[in-house]
Structures are given as C-alpha cells and as structure tokens.
C-alpha cells in the first residue's frame, strides 16, 4: 500500500510540468466543450475518428465563433493517446482532424479558412507512459483566433477657435478739399459813400472737414478771391465756420451746412455773414472725392435779404 501511494505521488510530480508546457488545464473528464475563449476540444472514442452528438455541438460553437469573429483562419489539430504505434497514431490524429474539418465545412466555414495539423501522440494533455489508453488525450483542438481589437478611434481634434472678428475699419474722419469758386455779390458799396452796386468774384476755396460722427461735423473754410466788375477790383477773402449735416452713404455723401464768418477785401462789403450751403461729394478713387456746392451769404451790413452773396463751386478732396 505504501508503495502504491509513492507511485501515485511520483506520477503527479511528473505530470505538473507537462500541464505547464501545454498552457492548459486537463479536464477532469473527456467531455467536449470550450476550454478557453477561441479554443475548443472535441474528444473521441478509442481508435475512432467519428464525431458524436456532443462533439458536433462543440464544432457548431466553433463555426459560430468563426462567423462572429471576422472569419479568421481556423486551426484544427488532432491528437491520440499512447496506445498503439506512433506512426499509426499520427495517421489516426489526421483522420480525427479531417473529421472536424469536414463538419466545419458543412457548417459554412470554407476549407480555405481551415488549417489541419496531425500531432499523433505528441503534446499529451495528460502525461502518460507508452501504451496507456487515456481518453483525455484522444482529442482535436479547434482554435479560432479572436478578432483583432480595433485601434482606438482617433480623438477628434478640437476645432480651433474662430478668429476674432476683424475690427471695423475706422471711418474717414477728415477731408481736405480744394476747388474753384465763383461768387456774385448783390449788394456792394462803392467804398465812397455812393449807391450799392453788384460785383463778381472768382478764386479758390480750401476746406478742412472734420467728421466726428456718421451724420456730419464741422468745417473750416477759407477763400482767396479776386473781385471783378466793381469800383475797387482786387484781392478779397472769405473765412467761415460751418456746421455740417452730412450722412455717409458710402461713395455718396450729401451735405447741408450753416456757414458763419466774414468777408473782407476789395469788391465786397466788409462784415459778418451767415447763410446756408448745400452740396454733395462722390468718392471717385481710394479716398479721393469730387464735390459740387452752392451757398448764400446774408451780409449783416445790408438790410435786404437780396443783397447777399451767391456762391457756387467745385471741390476736389482727399479723405483720411
């Protein structure tokens, strides 16, 4: 009895390394089934290569796994126990592998997707000596690789923040204009105490417009004139300040102004004047504008409203 116990212990010690080498735990009984994800075992009777009902169910599971796993290559490996000659056992393991292959093909797995291997009595699941009938070694292993794990989806790059809105362009605040003017004076004294007469004036006007708002602004205007058809022809001038209503409509800017200032020099009645002015400016090219204007000055030293000065002129200007 003592010798029997020592023998069993020795066989156990010999078997442990073999289990570690095969990478699997030997089942307690020769029962077909799945032993690991993607690996199935089908067991056979002694010296047999036919599939029983339980084995067919396991092959069905392997075929289903192949269909759901991306249809990878299936490996079918046949084994035997150590009873019989090694050459015979190798042929028997091949018949067992072919029986499983045929069932897989019947279940829809293409033969081109199946690799069969015959190992005979090599790589025993349960280590034994020669000539031992061990049911757990009479098997076929079906390995269905797991589908490859898809790479993680690339993280969507965060959309770059929208660029800050471009600042609105600064409106043109200032405008210089220079252009010819003509004036007709309806009430000019001859300078010697005689009756009032009329005169004409030609020259140029320089205007500095300031546009602090969309609707208009203030202008400073200076004329340099030559009086004609008067008793004292010669140089004259006009200096006024105006309040402008000039809405900016893009390329077109109408103007309505109130002028106030004075006239002086030859051919005019020196004194203060006030009156309206109308006109418009048209942008012609990149800040340059062309304008037309007309104005009337009431002269405080003349009693009648019809004894003022009527002006007309052109402007060529630049905005900035």
C-alpha atoms as a PDB file:
ATOM      1  CA  UNK A   1       0.000   0.000   0.000  1.00  0.00           C
ATOM      2  CA  UNK A   2       2.801   2.386   0.860  1.00  0.00           C
ATOM      3  CA  UNK A   3       4.483   1.655  -2.455  1.00  0.00           C
ATOM      4  CA  UNK A   4       1.255   2.442  -4.369  1.00  0.00           C
ATOM      5  CA  UNK A   5       0.969   5.864  -2.690  1.00  0.00           C
ATOM      6  CA  UNK A   6       4.580   6.669  -3.538  1.00  0.00           C
ATOM      7  CA  UNK A   7       3.917   5.764  -7.198  1.00  0.00           C
ATOM      8  CA  UNK A   8       0.856   7.989  -7.455  1.00  0.00           C
ATOM      9  CA  UNK A   9       2.794  10.920  -5.969  1.00  0.00           C
ATOM     10  CA  UNK A  10       5.595  10.369  -8.462  1.00  0.00           C
ATOM     11  CA  UNK A  11       3.177  10.388 -11.396  1.00  0.00           C
ATOM     12  CA  UNK A  12       1.650  13.631 -10.112  1.00  0.00           C
ATOM     13  CA  UNK A  13       5.037  15.319  -9.913  1.00  0.00           C
ATOM     14  CA  UNK A  14       5.848  14.185 -13.458  1.00  0.00           C
ATOM     15  CA  UNK A  15       2.506  15.450 -14.798  1.00  0.00           C
ATOM     16  CA  UNK A  16       2.665  19.021 -13.426  1.00  0.00           C
ATOM     17  CA  UNK A  17       5.427  20.229 -15.751  1.00  0.00           C
ATOM     18  CA  UNK A  18       3.570  18.778 -18.720  1.00  0.00           C
ATOM     19  CA  UNK A  19       0.433  20.799 -17.897  1.00  0.00           C
ATOM     20  CA  UNK A  20       2.519  23.955 -17.668  1.00  0.00           C
ATOM     21  CA  UNK A  21       4.091  23.190 -21.034  1.00  0.00           C
ATOM     22  CA  UNK A  22       0.758  22.778 -22.863  1.00  0.00           C
ATOM     23  CA  UNK A  23      -0.588  26.009 -21.387  1.00  0.00           C
ATOM     24  CA  UNK A  24      -3.968  24.443 -20.427  1.00  0.00           C
ATOM     25  CA  UNK A  25      -5.513  22.550 -17.561  1.00  0.00           C
ATOM     26  CA  UNK A  26      -6.500  18.974 -18.332  1.00  0.00           C
ATOM     27  CA  UNK A  27     -10.253  18.490 -17.981  1.00  0.00           C
ATOM     28  CA  UNK A  28     -11.442  16.134 -15.290  1.00  0.00           C
ATOM     29  CA  UNK A  29     -13.257  14.026 -17.910  1.00  0.00           C
ATOM     30  CA  UNK A  30     -13.108  13.661 -21.674  1.00  0.00           C
ATOM     31  CA  UNK A  31     -16.104  15.919 -22.306  1.00  0.00           C
ATOM     32  CA  UNK A  32     -16.157  18.017 -25.480  1.00  0.00           C
ATOM     33  CA  UNK A  33     -16.539  21.777 -25.000  1.00  0.00           C
ATOM     34  CA  UNK A  34     -14.891  25.173 -24.966  1.00  0.00           C
ATOM     35  CA  UNK A  35     -11.914  25.412 -22.644  1.00  0.00           C
ATOM     36  CA  UNK A  36     -10.774  28.986 -23.360  1.00  0.00           C
ATOM     37  CA  UNK A  37     -12.088  31.894 -25.417  1.00  0.00           C
ATOM     38  CA  UNK A  38     -11.499  30.849 -29.003  1.00  0.00           C
ATOM     39  CA  UNK A  39     -10.348  27.276 -28.196  1.00  0.00           C
ATOM     40  CA  UNK A  40     -12.479  24.147 -28.228  1.00  0.00           C
ATOM     41  CA  UNK A  41     -11.763  20.457 -27.533  1.00  0.00           C
ATOM     42  CA  UNK A  42     -13.522  17.531 -29.208  1.00  0.00           C
ATOM     43  CA  UNK A  43     -12.887  14.031 -27.727  1.00  0.00           C
ATOM     44  CA  UNK A  44     -13.066  10.646 -29.481  1.00  0.00           C
ATOM     45  CA  UNK A  45     -13.520   7.020 -28.517  1.00  0.00           C
ATOM     46  CA  UNK A  46     -10.632   4.561 -28.567  1.00  0.00           C
ATOM     47  CA  UNK A  47      -9.273   4.071 -32.089  1.00  0.00           C
ATOM     48  CA  UNK A  48     -12.155   6.139 -33.518  1.00  0.00           C
ATOM     49  CA  UNK A  49     -12.367   9.260 -35.722  1.00  0.00           C
ATOM     50  CA  UNK A  50     -16.113   9.853 -35.851  1.00  0.00           C
ATOM     51  CA  UNK A  51     -17.970  12.743 -34.129  1.00  0.00           C
ATOM     52  CA  UNK A  52     -20.686  12.048 -31.594  1.00  0.00           C
ATOM     53  CA  UNK A  53     -23.576  14.450 -30.889  1.00  0.00           C
ATOM     54  CA  UNK A  54     -21.694  16.323 -28.158  1.00  0.00           C
ATOM     55  CA  UNK A  55     -18.700  16.805 -30.443  1.00  0.00           C
ATOM     56  CA  UNK A  56     -20.904  18.163 -33.243  1.00  0.00           C
ATOM     57  CA  UNK A  57     -22.375  20.731 -30.872  1.00  0.00           C
ATOM     58  CA  UNK A  58     -18.888  21.942 -29.975  1.00  0.00           C
ATOM     59  CA  UNK A  59     -17.911  22.178 -33.667  1.00  0.00           C
ATOM     60  CA  UNK A  60     -21.086  24.204 -34.189  1.00  0.00           C
ATOM     61  CA  UNK A  61     -19.933  26.610 -31.461  1.00  0.00           C
ATOM     62  CA  UNK A  62     -16.554  26.935 -33.165  1.00  0.00           C
ATOM     63  CA  UNK A  63     -18.208  27.681 -36.531  1.00  0.00           C
ATOM     64  CA  UNK A  64     -20.395  30.338 -34.895  1.00  0.00           C
ATOM     65  CA  UNK A  65     -17.323  31.880 -33.295  1.00  0.00           C
ATOM     66  CA  UNK A  66     -15.601  31.970 -36.685  1.00  0.00           C
ATOM     67  CA  UNK A  67     -18.541  33.824 -38.244  1.00  0.00           C
ATOM     68  CA  UNK A  68     -18.746  36.390 -35.457  1.00  0.00           C
ATOM     69  CA  UNK A  69     -15.011  36.875 -35.143  1.00  0.00           C
ATOM     70  CA  UNK A  70     -14.230  38.322 -38.530  1.00  0.00           C
ATOM     71  CA  UNK A  71     -13.809  34.941 -40.301  1.00  0.00           C
ATOM     72  CA  UNK A  72     -10.135  34.405 -39.438  1.00  0.00           C
ATOM     73  CA  UNK A  73      -8.039  31.295 -40.172  1.00  0.00           C
ATOM     74  CA  UNK A  74      -9.114  28.273 -38.067  1.00  0.00           C
ATOM     75  CA  UNK A  75      -6.507  25.774 -36.854  1.00  0.00           C
ATOM     76  CA  UNK A  76      -7.656  22.127 -36.283  1.00  0.00           C
ATOM     77  CA  UNK A  77      -5.086  19.858 -34.570  1.00  0.00           C
ATOM     78  CA  UNK A  78      -5.600  16.123 -33.992  1.00  0.00           C
ATOM     79  CA  UNK A  79      -4.073  14.061 -31.130  1.00  0.00           C
ATOM     80  CA  UNK A  80      -4.090  10.473 -29.813  1.00  0.00           C
ATOM     81  CA  UNK A  81      -3.140   8.678 -26.642  1.00  0.00           C
ATOM     82  CA  UNK A  82      -0.019   6.488 -26.422  1.00  0.00           C
ATOM     83  CA  UNK A  83      -1.757   3.167 -27.139  1.00  0.00           C
ATOM     84  CA  UNK A  84      -0.502   1.781 -30.460  1.00  0.00           C
ATOM     85  CA  UNK A  85       2.474   2.558 -32.639  1.00  0.00           C
ATOM     86  CA  UNK A  86       3.459   6.244 -33.131  1.00  0.00           C
ATOM     87  CA  UNK A  87       3.109   6.001 -36.933  1.00  0.00           C
ATOM     88  CA  UNK A  88      -0.422   4.659 -36.655  1.00  0.00           C
ATOM     89  CA  UNK A  89      -1.327   7.264 -34.060  1.00  0.00           C
ATOM     90  CA  UNK A  90      -0.185  10.057 -36.364  1.00  0.00           C
ATOM     91  CA  UNK A  91      -2.475   8.786 -39.126  1.00  0.00           C
ATOM     92  CA  UNK A  92      -5.344   8.429 -36.642  1.00  0.00           C
ATOM     93  CA  UNK A  93      -4.880  12.010 -35.417  1.00  0.00           C
ATOM     94  CA  UNK A  94      -5.002  13.197 -39.045  1.00  0.00           C
ATOM     95  CA  UNK A  95      -8.338  11.358 -39.599  1.00  0.00           C
ATOM     96  CA  UNK A  96      -9.744  12.979 -36.478  1.00  0.00           C
ATOM     97  CA  UNK A  97      -8.652  16.454 -37.613  1.00  0.00           C
ATOM     98  CA  UNK A  98     -10.156  15.784 -41.066  1.00  0.00           C
ATOM     99  CA  UNK A  99     -13.471  14.734 -39.495  1.00  0.00           C
ATOM    100  CA  UNK A 100     -13.677  18.056 -37.634  1.00  0.00           C
ATOM    101  CA  UNK A 101     -12.657  19.940 -40.762  1.00  0.00           C
ATOM    102  CA  UNK A 102     -15.436  18.261 -42.771  1.00  0.00           C
ATOM    103  CA  UNK A 103     -18.012  19.225 -40.145  1.00  0.00           C
ATOM    104  CA  UNK A 104     -16.800  22.844 -40.121  1.00  0.00           C
ATOM    105  CA  UNK A 105     -17.091  22.956 -43.919  1.00  0.00           C
ATOM    106  CA  UNK A 106     -20.610  21.503 -43.686  1.00  0.00           C
ATOM    107  CA  UNK A 107     -21.471  24.307 -41.246  1.00  0.00           C
ATOM    108  CA  UNK A 108     -20.305  27.013 -43.669  1.00  0.00           C
ATOM    109  CA  UNK A 109     -16.616  27.531 -42.897  1.00  0.00           C
ATOM    110  CA  UNK A 110     -14.639  27.476 -46.198  1.00  0.00           C
ATOM    111  CA  UNK A 111     -11.940  24.839 -46.461  1.00  0.00           C
ATOM    112  CA  UNK A 112      -9.533  27.614 -47.439  1.00  0.00           C
ATOM    113  CA  UNK A 113     -10.033  29.097 -43.963  1.00  0.00           C
ATOM    114  CA  UNK A 114      -9.085  25.847 -42.166  1.00  0.00           C
ATOM    115  CA  UNK A 115      -5.582  24.543 -41.411  1.00  0.00           C
ATOM    116  CA  UNK A 116      -5.331  20.910 -40.189  1.00  0.00           C
ATOM    117  CA  UNK A 117      -2.399  19.523 -38.231  1.00  0.00           C
ATOM    118  CA  UNK A 118      -1.742  15.875 -37.112  1.00  0.00           C
ATOM    119  CA  UNK A 119       0.308  15.592 -33.892  1.00  0.00           C
ATOM    120  CA  UNK A 120      -0.298  11.924 -33.078  1.00  0.00           C
ATOM    121  CA  UNK A 121       0.776  11.114 -29.533  1.00  0.00           C
ATOM    122  CA  UNK A 122       2.926  14.242 -29.197  1.00  0.00           C
ATOM    123  CA  UNK A 123       1.987  17.013 -26.734  1.00  0.00           C
ATOM    124  CA  UNK A 124      -0.172  14.865 -24.464  1.00  0.00           C
ATOM    125  CA  UNK A 125      -2.830  16.698 -22.498  1.00  0.00           C
ATOM    126  CA  UNK A 126      -2.426  14.161 -19.674  1.00  0.00           C
ATOM    127  CA  UNK A 127       1.135  12.801 -19.493  1.00  0.00           C
ATOM    128  CA  UNK A 128       1.270   9.001 -19.504  1.00  0.00           C
ATOM    129  CA  UNK A 129       3.696   6.289 -20.325  1.00  0.00           C
ATOM    130  CA  UNK A 130       3.648   4.329 -23.588  1.00  0.00           C
ATOM    131  CA  UNK A 131       0.700   2.055 -24.295  1.00  0.00           C
ATOM    132  CA  UNK A 132      -1.739   3.907 -21.990  1.00  0.00           C
ATOM    133  CA  UNK A 133      -5.349   4.435 -23.111  1.00  0.00           C
ATOM    134  CA  UNK A 134      -6.119   7.903 -21.785  1.00  0.00           C
ATOM    135  CA  UNK A 135      -9.499   9.266 -23.081  1.00  0.00           C
ATOM    136  CA  UNK A 136      -8.471  12.905 -22.481  1.00  0.00           C
ATOM    137  CA  UNK A 137      -5.550  12.540 -24.911  1.00  0.00           C
ATOM    138  CA  UNK A 138      -7.820  11.325 -27.794  1.00  0.00           C
ATOM    139  CA  UNK A 139      -8.838  14.782 -28.912  1.00  0.00           C
ATOM    140  CA  UNK A 140      -8.947  17.507 -31.592  1.00  0.00           C
ATOM    141  CA  UNK A 141      -8.190  21.123 -30.680  1.00  0.00           C
ATOM    142  CA  UNK A 142     -10.069  23.834 -32.625  1.00  0.00           C
ATOM    143  CA  UNK A 143      -8.533  27.288 -32.330  1.00  0.00           C
ATOM    144  CA  UNK A 144     -10.492  30.276 -33.650  1.00  0.00           C
ATOM    145  CA  UNK A 145      -8.426  33.470 -33.256  1.00  0.00           C
ATOM    146  CA  UNK A 146     -10.194  36.334 -31.603  1.00  0.00           C
ATOM    147  CA  UNK A 147     -10.901  39.248 -33.923  1.00  0.00           C
ATOM    148  CA  UNK A 148      -8.246  41.928 -33.798  1.00  0.00           C
ATOM    149  CA  UNK A 149      -9.017  44.701 -31.402  1.00  0.00           C
ATOM    150  CA  UNK A 150      -9.794  47.752 -33.474  1.00  0.00           C
ATOM    151  CA  UNK A 151      -7.438  50.616 -32.838  1.00  0.00           C
ATOM    152  CA  UNK A 152      -8.898  53.318 -30.690  1.00  0.00           C
ATOM    153  CA  UNK A 153     -10.686  55.902 -32.687  1.00  0.00           C
ATOM    154  CA  UNK A 154      -8.524  58.964 -33.063  1.00  0.00           C
ATOM    155  CA  UNK A 155      -9.632  61.699 -30.822  1.00  0.00           C
ATOM    156  CA  UNK A 156     -11.310  64.382 -32.741  1.00  0.00           C
ATOM    157  CA  UNK A 157      -9.125  67.388 -32.820  1.00  0.00           C
ATOM    158  CA  UNK A 158     -10.704  70.290 -31.124  1.00  0.00           C
ATOM    159  CA  UNK A 159     -11.833  72.794 -33.641  1.00  0.00           C
ATOM    160  CA  UNK A 160      -9.613  75.837 -33.490  1.00  0.00           C
ATOM    161  CA  UNK A 161     -11.358  78.808 -32.007  1.00  0.00           C
ATOM    162  CA  UNK A 162     -12.781  81.093 -34.589  1.00  0.00           C
ATOM    163  CA  UNK A 163     -10.541  84.009 -35.383  1.00  0.00           C
ATOM    164  CA  UNK A 164     -11.516  87.200 -33.659  1.00  0.00           C
ATOM    165  CA  UNK A 165     -13.671  89.384 -35.801  1.00  0.00           C
ATOM    166  CA  UNK A 166     -11.771  91.944 -37.707  1.00  0.00           C
ATOM    167  CA  UNK A 167     -12.217  95.371 -36.245  1.00  0.00           C
ATOM    168  CA  UNK A 168     -14.486  97.576 -38.204  1.00  0.00           C
ATOM    169  CA  UNK A 169     -12.495  99.969 -40.335  1.00  0.00           C
ATOM    170  CA  UNK A 170     -12.235 103.390 -38.912  1.00  0.00           C
ATOM    171  CA  UNK A 171     -14.409 105.791 -40.843  1.00  0.00           C
ATOM    172  CA  UNK A 172     -12.763 108.605 -42.697  1.00  0.00           C
ATOM    173  CA  UNK A 173     -12.837 111.380 -40.128  1.00  0.00           C
ATOM    174  CA  UNK A 174     -11.211 114.196 -42.034  1.00  0.00           C
ATOM    175  CA  UNK A 175     -11.313 115.601 -45.522  1.00  0.00           C
ATOM    176  CA  UNK A 176      -9.353 118.345 -47.234  1.00  0.00           C
ATOM    177  CA  UNK A 177     -10.843 119.826 -50.367  1.00  0.00           C
ATOM    178  CA  UNK A 178      -9.622 122.489 -52.758  1.00  0.00           C
ATOM    179  CA  UNK A 179     -11.542 123.787 -55.726  1.00  0.00           C
ATOM    180  CA  UNK A 180     -12.539 126.791 -57.827  1.00  0.00           C
ATOM    181  CA  UNK A 181     -15.370 129.076 -56.669  1.00  0.00           C
ATOM    182  CA  UNK A 182     -17.404 131.837 -58.196  1.00  0.00           C
ATOM    183  CA  UNK A 183     -19.428 134.422 -56.298  1.00  0.00           C
ATOM    184  CA  UNK A 184     -21.855 137.160 -57.260  1.00  0.00           C
ATOM    185  CA  UNK A 185     -22.315 139.999 -54.785  1.00  0.00           C
ATOM    186  CA  UNK A 186     -25.778 141.615 -54.976  1.00  0.00           C
ATOM    187  CA  UNK A 187     -25.092 144.465 -52.582  1.00  0.00           C
ATOM    188  CA  UNK A 188     -21.670 146.054 -52.666  1.00  0.00           C
ATOM    189  CA  UNK A 189     -20.907 149.653 -51.656  1.00  0.00           C
ATOM    190  CA  UNK A 190     -18.559 151.521 -53.922  1.00  0.00           C
ATOM    191  CA  UNK A 191     -16.441 152.449 -50.923  1.00  0.00           C
ATOM    192  CA  UNK A 192     -17.002 156.197 -51.447  1.00  0.00           C
ATOM    193  CA  UNK A 193     -20.477 156.550 -49.918  1.00  0.00           C
ATOM    194  CA  UNK A 194     -22.314 156.064 -53.186  1.00  0.00           C
ATOM    195  CA  UNK A 195     -25.149 153.686 -54.052  1.00  0.00           C
ATOM    196  CA  UNK A 196     -24.634 149.963 -53.656  1.00  0.00           C
ATOM    197  CA  UNK A 197     -23.731 148.069 -56.775  1.00  0.00           C
ATOM    198  CA  UNK A 198     -23.005 144.457 -57.716  1.00  0.00           C
ATOM    199  CA  UNK A 199     -19.710 142.674 -58.304  1.00  0.00           C
ATOM    200  CA  UNK A 200     -18.281 139.288 -59.239  1.00  0.00           C
ATOM    201  CA  UNK A 201     -15.551 137.263 -57.544  1.00  0.00           C
ATOM    202  CA  UNK A 202     -13.520 134.281 -58.691  1.00  0.00           C
ATOM    203  CA  UNK A 203     -10.921 132.298 -56.855  1.00  0.00           C
ATOM    204  CA  UNK A 204     -10.358 129.116 -54.873  1.00  0.00           C
ATOM    205  CA  UNK A 205     -11.596 127.703 -51.569  1.00  0.00           C
ATOM    206  CA  UNK A 206      -9.682 125.440 -49.186  1.00  0.00           C
ATOM    207  CA  UNK A 207     -11.896 123.454 -46.807  1.00  0.00           C
ATOM    208  CA  UNK A 208     -10.955 121.285 -43.857  1.00  0.00           C
ATOM    209  CA  UNK A 209     -13.862 118.966 -42.961  1.00  0.00           C
ATOM    210  CA  UNK A 210     -13.980 117.156 -39.644  1.00  0.00           C
ATOM    211  CA  UNK A 211     -16.492 114.294 -39.455  1.00  0.00           C
ATOM    212  CA  UNK A 212     -16.669 113.136 -35.834  1.00  0.00           C
ATOM    213  CA  UNK A 213     -19.918 111.215 -36.432  1.00  0.00           C
ATOM    214  CA  UNK A 214     -21.748 109.371 -39.150  1.00  0.00           C
ATOM    215  CA  UNK A 215     -24.108 112.335 -39.639  1.00  0.00           C
ATOM    216  CA  UNK A 216     -21.656 115.141 -40.101  1.00  0.00           C
ATOM    217  CA  UNK A 217     -19.342 117.503 -38.297  1.00  0.00           C
ATOM    218  CA  UNK A 218     -17.632 120.865 -38.503  1.00  0.00           C
ATOM    219  CA  UNK A 219     -15.754 122.528 -41.375  1.00  0.00           C
ATOM    220  CA  UNK A 220     -13.300 125.410 -41.632  1.00  0.00           C
ATOM    221  CA  UNK A 221     -13.421 127.231 -44.995  1.00  0.00           C
ATOM    222  CA  UNK A 222     -11.066 129.794 -46.456  1.00  0.00           C
ATOM    223  CA  UNK A 223     -11.497 131.579 -49.824  1.00  0.00           C
ATOM    224  CA  UNK A 224      -8.915 133.573 -51.744  1.00  0.00           C
ATOM    225  CA  UNK A 225     -10.723 135.786 -54.308  1.00  0.00           C
ATOM    226  CA  UNK A 226     -10.283 138.412 -56.976  1.00  0.00           C
ATOM    227  CA  UNK A 227     -13.092 140.951 -57.312  1.00  0.00           C
ATOM    228  CA  UNK A 228     -14.254 141.868 -60.793  1.00  0.00           C
ATOM    229  CA  UNK A 229     -16.691 144.445 -62.205  1.00  0.00           C
ATOM    230  CA  UNK A 230     -16.502 146.537 -59.044  1.00  0.00           C
ATOM    231  CA  UNK A 231     -15.323 150.057 -58.408  1.00  0.00           C
ATOM    232  CA  UNK A 232     -12.373 148.717 -56.409  1.00  0.00           C
ATOM    233  CA  UNK A 233     -11.329 145.450 -58.045  1.00  0.00           C
ATOM    234  CA  UNK A 234      -8.679 143.467 -56.259  1.00  0.00           C
ATOM    235  CA  UNK A 235      -7.976 140.821 -53.646  1.00  0.00           C
ATOM    236  CA  UNK A 236     -10.694 139.698 -51.254  1.00  0.00           C
ATOM    237  CA  UNK A 237     -11.268 136.885 -48.857  1.00  0.00           C
ATOM    238  CA  UNK A 238     -13.940 134.874 -47.039  1.00  0.00           C
ATOM    239  CA  UNK A 239     -13.418 132.938 -43.791  1.00  0.00           C
ATOM    240  CA  UNK A 240     -16.277 130.898 -42.277  1.00  0.00           C
ATOM    241  CA  UNK A 241     -17.002 128.031 -39.929  1.00  0.00           C
ATOM    242  CA  UNK A 242     -19.839 125.661 -40.809  1.00  0.00           C
ATOM    243  CA  UNK A 243     -21.910 123.068 -39.010  1.00  0.00           C
ATOM    244  CA  UNK A 244     -22.476 120.209 -41.445  1.00  0.00           C
ATOM    245  CA  UNK A 245     -25.206 117.626 -41.714  1.00  0.00           C
ATOM    246  CA  UNK A 246     -23.505 115.081 -43.996  1.00  0.00           C
ATOM    247  CA  UNK A 247     -24.707 111.459 -43.691  1.00  0.00           C
ATOM    248  CA  UNK A 248     -22.141 108.988 -45.001  1.00  0.00           C
ATOM    249  CA  UNK A 249     -23.867 106.850 -47.655  1.00  0.00           C
ATOM    250  CA  UNK A 250     -20.737 105.090 -48.884  1.00  0.00           C
ATOM    251  CA  UNK A 251     -19.454 106.596 -52.109  1.00  0.00           C
ATOM    252  CA  UNK A 252     -22.055 109.375 -51.952  1.00  0.00           C
ATOM    253  CA  UNK A 253     -22.268 111.996 -49.193  1.00  0.00           C
ATOM    254  CA  UNK A 254     -24.831 114.818 -49.395  1.00  0.00           C
ATOM    255  CA  UNK A 255     -24.185 117.923 -47.311  1.00  0.00           C
ATOM    256  CA  UNK A 256     -26.369 120.601 -45.751  1.00  0.00           C
ATOM    257  CA  UNK A 257     -24.418 123.278 -43.842  1.00  0.00           C
ATOM    258  CA  UNK A 258     -24.886 126.545 -41.966  1.00  0.00           C
ATOM    259  CA  UNK A 259     -21.967 128.930 -42.557  1.00  0.00           C
ATOM    260  CA  UNK A 260     -20.977 131.774 -40.281  1.00  0.00           C
ATOM    261  CA  UNK A 261     -17.997 134.119 -40.581  1.00  0.00           C
ATOM    262  CA  UNK A 262     -16.927 137.197 -42.517  1.00  0.00           C
ATOM    263  CA  UNK A 263     -15.917 138.641 -45.910  1.00  0.00           C
ATOM    264  CA  UNK A 264     -13.296 141.283 -46.470  1.00  0.00           C
ATOM    265  CA  UNK A 265     -11.126 142.998 -49.080  1.00  0.00           C
ATOM    266  CA  UNK A 266     -11.725 144.761 -52.374  1.00  0.00           C
ATOM    267  CA  UNK A 267     -15.067 144.435 -54.134  1.00  0.00           C
ATOM    268  CA  UNK A 268     -17.002 143.292 -51.053  1.00  0.00           C
ATOM    269  CA  UNK A 269     -18.675 144.999 -48.129  1.00  0.00           C
ATOM    270  CA  UNK A 270     -16.533 144.064 -45.161  1.00  0.00           C
ATOM    271  CA  UNK A 271     -18.518 142.456 -42.364  1.00  0.00           C
ATOM    272  CA  UNK A 272     -20.091 139.347 -40.887  1.00  0.00           C
ATOM    273  CA  UNK A 273     -22.071 136.875 -42.997  1.00  0.00           C
ATOM    274  CA  UNK A 274     -24.266 133.850 -42.283  1.00  0.00           C
ATOM    275  CA  UNK A 275     -26.171 131.523 -44.560  1.00  0.00           C
ATOM    276  CA  UNK A 276     -26.915 128.014 -45.863  1.00  0.00           C
ATOM    277  CA  UNK A 277     -24.904 125.760 -48.133  1.00  0.00           C
ATOM    278  CA  UNK A 278     -25.882 122.596 -49.980  1.00  0.00           C
ATOM    279  CA  UNK A 279     -23.754 120.154 -51.918  1.00  0.00           C
ATOM    280  CA  UNK A 280     -22.544 116.600 -52.265  1.00  0.00           C
ATOM    281  CA  UNK A 281     -19.330 114.613 -52.534  1.00  0.00           C
ATOM    282  CA  UNK A 282     -18.753 111.441 -54.554  1.00  0.00           C
ATOM    283  CA  UNK A 283     -15.856 109.080 -53.779  1.00  0.00           C
ATOM    284  CA  UNK A 284     -14.047 108.572 -57.058  1.00  0.00           C
ATOM    285  CA  UNK A 285     -10.958 106.520 -56.122  1.00  0.00           C
ATOM    286  CA  UNK A 286      -9.423 105.312 -52.835  1.00  0.00           C
ATOM    287  CA  UNK A 287     -10.233 108.263 -50.647  1.00  0.00           C
ATOM    288  CA  UNK A 288     -10.390 110.887 -53.339  1.00  0.00           C
ATOM    289  CA  UNK A 289     -13.706 112.594 -53.801  1.00  0.00           C
ATOM    290  CA  UNK A 290     -15.241 115.161 -56.112  1.00  0.00           C
ATOM    291  CA  UNK A 291     -17.930 117.573 -54.944  1.00  0.00           C
ATOM    292  CA  UNK A 292     -20.300 120.287 -56.096  1.00  0.00           C
ATOM    293  CA  UNK A 293     -21.677 123.019 -53.805  1.00  0.00           C
ATOM    294  CA  UNK A 294     -23.739 126.203 -53.697  1.00  0.00           C
ATOM    295  CA  UNK A 295     -24.098 128.719 -50.837  1.00  0.00           C
ATOM    296  CA  UNK A 296     -25.724 132.034 -49.993  1.00  0.00           C
ATOM    297  CA  UNK A 297     -24.321 134.572 -47.504  1.00  0.00           C
ATOM    298  CA  UNK A 298     -26.520 137.135 -45.826  1.00  0.00           C
ATOM    299  CA  UNK A 299     -24.472 140.287 -45.109  1.00  0.00           C
ATOM    300  CA  UNK A 300     -25.321 141.858 -41.765  1.00  0.00           C
ATOM    301  CA  UNK A 301     -24.348 145.345 -43.041  1.00  0.00           C
ATOM    302  CA  UNK A 302     -27.012 145.130 -45.765  1.00  0.00           C
ATOM    303  CA  UNK A 303     -30.623 145.396 -44.693  1.00  0.00           C
ATOM    304  CA  UNK A 304     -32.168 143.380 -47.519  1.00  0.00           C
ATOM    305  CA  UNK A 305     -32.044 139.607 -47.784  1.00  0.00           C
ATOM    306  CA  UNK A 306     -31.480 140.024 -51.508  1.00  0.00           C
ATOM    307  CA  UNK A 307     -28.259 141.958 -51.032  1.00  0.00           C
ATOM    308  CA  UNK A 308     -26.095 138.981 -50.091  1.00  0.00           C
ATOM    309  CA  UNK A 309     -23.564 136.884 -51.999  1.00  0.00           C
ATOM    310  CA  UNK A 310     -24.395 133.777 -54.021  1.00  0.00           C
ATOM    311  CA  UNK A 311     -21.592 131.213 -54.305  1.00  0.00           C
ATOM    312  CA  UNK A 312     -21.017 128.157 -56.471  1.00  0.00           C
ATOM    313  CA  UNK A 313     -18.007 125.885 -56.764  1.00  0.00           C
ATOM    314  CA  UNK A 314     -16.336 122.549 -57.176  1.00  0.00           C
ATOM    315  CA  UNK A 315     -14.282 120.540 -54.684  1.00  0.00           C
ATOM    316  CA  UNK A 316     -11.524 118.003 -55.226  1.00  0.00           C
ATOM    317  CA  UNK A 317     -10.767 116.384 -51.902  1.00  0.00           C
ATOM    318  CA  UNK A 318      -8.952 113.580 -50.095  1.00  0.00           C
ATOM    319  CA  UNK A 319     -10.311 111.724 -47.055  1.00  0.00           C
ATOM    320  CA  UNK A 320      -8.170 110.285 -44.288  1.00  0.00           C
END
